Structures are given as C-alpha cells and as structure tokens.
Amino acid sequence: MASAAAELGYPLVVKPRTGGSTMGCRWCAMRSHVPAWATAAAHGEVLCEKCVAGIEVTVGNLGDNPPRAFPTLEIV
C-alpha cells in the first residue's frame, strides 16, 4: 500500500481485485489505516485506486454468449 500511496496520494480506495465493488472494499485516508489493506487482502489480490469524489454507478452483466446487461445502479 505504501507504493500505491506514494504514486497516487491519499485518500485511497483499497479493495480486492476481483469479487465486485464492495466485498472487502475500504477507504484509506492516511498511512495509519493499514487494516484497510488486510481487510482487502483477505479476499485475494489487492487493488488501490485514487479516491475520486462523485457518484458511483455500475452495470452488471451475465454471461458472454450473448452477454446480458442488468439495469444501471447507483452505489451509495
């Protein structure tokens, strides 16, 4: 997490690389929030992203032949 913070700065969103947008997802405002990394790592490889203010929306999909899109949802 230290290398991600050095490159991206704080605040960071720390989450598992796979498994959706909420399982193990944590907001990390400063270096002392190391437990955020451990929580995310418990679910697999970790992804760190720069926290961006705004509305988060998602569109789920199912299958690939042909893919079927679900309705757009706002994540609050």
Protein backbone atom coordinates (compact mmCIF):
# COMPACT_ATOMS: atom_id res chain seq x y z
CA MET A 1 0.00 0.00 0.00
CA ALA A 2 2.92 2.35 0.66
CA SER A 3 3.99 2.28 -3.00
CA ALA A 4 0.42 2.93 -4.17
CA ALA A 5 0.11 5.83 -1.72
CA ALA A 6 3.43 7.27 -2.91
CA GLU A 7 2.23 7.16 -6.51
CA LEU A 8 -1.43 8.08 -6.05
CA GLY A 9 -1.54 10.01 -2.78
CA TYR A 10 -4.30 9.83 -0.17
CA PRO A 11 -7.18 9.18 0.13
CA LEU A 12 -7.16 5.73 -1.47
CA VAL A 13 -9.82 3.12 -2.07
CA VAL A 14 -8.35 -0.28 -1.21
CA LYS A 15 -10.27 -3.32 -2.48
CA PRO A 16 -9.89 -6.85 -3.79
CA ARG A 17 -9.02 -7.02 -7.49
CA THR A 18 -11.91 -9.41 -8.10
CA GLY A 19 -15.25 -10.09 -6.46
CA GLY A 20 -17.28 -6.96 -7.07
CA SER A 21 -17.08 -3.41 -5.85
CA THR A 22 -17.97 -3.84 -2.17
CA MET A 23 -16.62 -7.10 -0.72
CA GLY A 24 -13.57 -6.09 1.35
CA CYS A 25 -13.59 -2.54 -0.02
CA ARG A 26 -12.15 0.08 2.37
CA TRP A 27 -11.45 3.80 2.24
CA CYS A 28 -7.96 4.73 3.43
CA ALA A 29 -7.37 8.38 4.37
CA MET A 30 -3.84 8.05 5.77
CA ARG A 31 -0.94 5.69 6.26
CA SER A 32 -2.18 4.55 9.67
CA HIS A 33 -5.17 2.84 8.02
CA VAL A 34 -3.15 -0.32 7.33
CA PRO A 35 -6.10 -2.53 8.44
CA ALA A 36 -7.79 -1.50 5.18
CA TRP A 37 -5.11 -3.44 3.30
CA ALA A 38 -5.54 -6.52 5.50
CA THR A 39 -9.33 -6.48 5.02
CA ALA A 40 -9.00 -6.32 1.24
CA ALA A 41 -6.16 -8.88 1.15
CA ALA A 42 -8.37 -11.40 2.96
CA HIS A 43 -10.38 -11.58 -0.29
CA GLY A 44 -7.41 -12.01 -2.68
CA GLU A 45 -5.12 -9.71 -4.68
CA VAL A 46 -5.46 -6.04 -3.71
CA LEU A 47 -6.18 -3.05 -5.95
CA CYS A 48 -5.54 0.54 -4.82
CA GLU A 49 -7.29 3.43 -6.55
CA LYS A 50 -7.21 7.18 -6.02
CA CYS A 51 -10.41 8.23 -4.28
CA VAL A 52 -12.43 10.46 -6.60
CA ALA A 53 -15.41 12.46 -5.35
CA GLY A 54 -18.62 11.92 -7.30
CA ILE A 55 -21.42 9.50 -7.99
CA GLU A 56 -20.53 5.84 -8.49
CA VAL A 57 -22.64 3.82 -10.89
CA THR A 58 -22.33 0.25 -12.06
CA VAL A 59 -23.80 -2.00 -14.74
CA GLY A 60 -23.64 -5.71 -14.05
CA ASN A 61 -23.58 -8.30 -16.81
CA LEU A 62 -24.25 -12.00 -17.02
CA GLY A 63 -22.86 -14.48 -19.48
CA ASP A 64 -20.99 -13.95 -22.71
CA ASN A 65 -22.95 -15.60 -25.49
CA PRO A 66 -24.60 -13.13 -25.78
CA PRO A 67 -23.88 -11.03 -22.66
CA ARG A 68 -26.93 -9.72 -20.83
CA ALA A 69 -26.71 -6.30 -19.16
CA PHE A 70 -28.58 -5.54 -15.95
CA PRO A 71 -30.03 -2.11 -15.16
CA THR A 72 -27.69 0.72 -14.19
CA LEU A 73 -27.41 1.17 -10.41
CA GLU A 74 -26.03 3.95 -8.23
CA ILE A 75 -23.76 2.73 -5.43
CA VAL A 76 -24.43 4.73 -2.27
